Amino acid sequence: MKVTVNGTISKDALKVILETQKAKSQIIDEFCKENKITSFYYKDSELEYIVEGKPNKPKIEVRTND
């Protein structure tokens, strides 16, 4: 997660900002997991977040006619 803050802020304000961004990143992670998205990029005025995961290996079933 990359968070950019311009200027000086208090510790309490920073804590609130980071908790909000943590909630956003959890929502993005859950959405990507549910929809099997392996690469996702999100950016707004406060948060830049990249999801990169390993693609799911397809299950292969082999049948033989004996």
Protein backbone atom coordinates (compact mmCIF):
# COMPACT_ATOMS: atom_id res chain seq x y z
CA MET A 1 0.00 0.00 0.00
CA LYS A 2 1.28 3.46 -0.87
CA VAL A 3 -0.21 6.43 1.01
CA THR A 4 0.84 10.00 0.27
CA VAL A 5 0.11 12.77 2.76
CA ASN A 6 1.00 16.37 1.91
CA GLY A 7 1.78 18.58 4.88
CA THR A 8 2.03 17.95 8.60
CA ILE A 9 -0.68 16.04 10.43
CA SER A 10 -1.19 14.78 13.95
CA LYS A 11 -0.64 11.18 14.99
CA ASP A 12 -4.38 10.71 15.57
CA ALA A 13 -5.25 11.99 12.10
CA LEU A 14 -2.62 9.72 10.56
CA LYS A 15 -4.03 6.75 12.47
CA VAL A 16 -7.54 7.47 11.15
CA ILE A 17 -6.26 7.82 7.57
CA LEU A 18 -4.36 4.53 7.75
CA GLU A 19 -7.32 2.65 9.25
CA THR A 20 -9.56 3.95 6.43
CA GLN A 21 -7.04 2.87 3.80
CA LYS A 22 -6.66 -0.52 5.47
CA ALA A 23 -10.43 -1.01 5.21
CA LYS A 24 -10.33 -0.08 1.49
CA SER A 25 -7.50 -2.52 0.81
CA GLN A 26 -9.36 -5.33 2.61
CA ILE A 27 -12.45 -4.74 0.44
CA ILE A 28 -10.30 -4.81 -2.71
CA ASP A 29 -8.55 -8.01 -1.58
CA GLU A 30 -11.89 -9.73 -0.83
CA PHE A 31 -13.34 -8.69 -4.20
CA CYS A 32 -10.29 -9.96 -6.08
CA LYS A 33 -10.35 -13.25 -4.19
CA GLU A 34 -14.09 -13.81 -4.78
CA ASN A 35 -13.81 -13.00 -8.48
CA LYS A 36 -10.46 -14.76 -8.98
CA ILE A 37 -8.75 -11.57 -10.13
CA THR A 38 -4.96 -11.98 -10.00
CA SER A 39 -3.95 -8.44 -10.98
CA PHE A 40 -5.74 -5.24 -9.94
CA TYR A 41 -4.70 -1.57 -9.68
CA TYR A 42 -6.63 1.03 -7.66
CA LYS A 43 -5.78 4.69 -7.21
CA ASP A 44 -7.68 7.61 -5.73
CA SER A 45 -6.59 10.87 -4.13
CA GLU A 46 -5.48 9.07 -0.95
CA LEU A 47 -4.58 5.49 -1.82
CA GLU A 48 -2.63 3.68 -4.50
CA TYR A 49 -3.02 -0.09 -4.17
CA ILE A 50 -1.83 -2.95 -6.36
CA VAL A 51 -2.96 -6.55 -6.07
CA GLU A 52 -0.72 -9.10 -7.72
CA GLY A 53 -1.20 -12.77 -7.12
CA LYS A 54 -0.40 -16.09 -8.64
CA PRO A 55 -2.91 -17.33 -11.19
CA ASN A 56 -4.94 -20.29 -10.04
CA LYS A 57 -3.80 -23.56 -11.52
CA PRO A 58 -6.64 -25.21 -13.40
CA LYS A 59 -7.69 -28.63 -12.20
CA ILE A 60 -7.08 -31.22 -14.88
CA GLU A 61 -8.89 -34.51 -14.88
CA VAL A 62 -7.50 -37.30 -17.03
CA ARG A 63 -9.78 -40.14 -18.06
CA THR A 64 -8.69 -43.30 -19.78
CA ASN A 65 -10.93 -45.75 -21.59
CA ASP A 66 -9.77 -49.13 -20.39
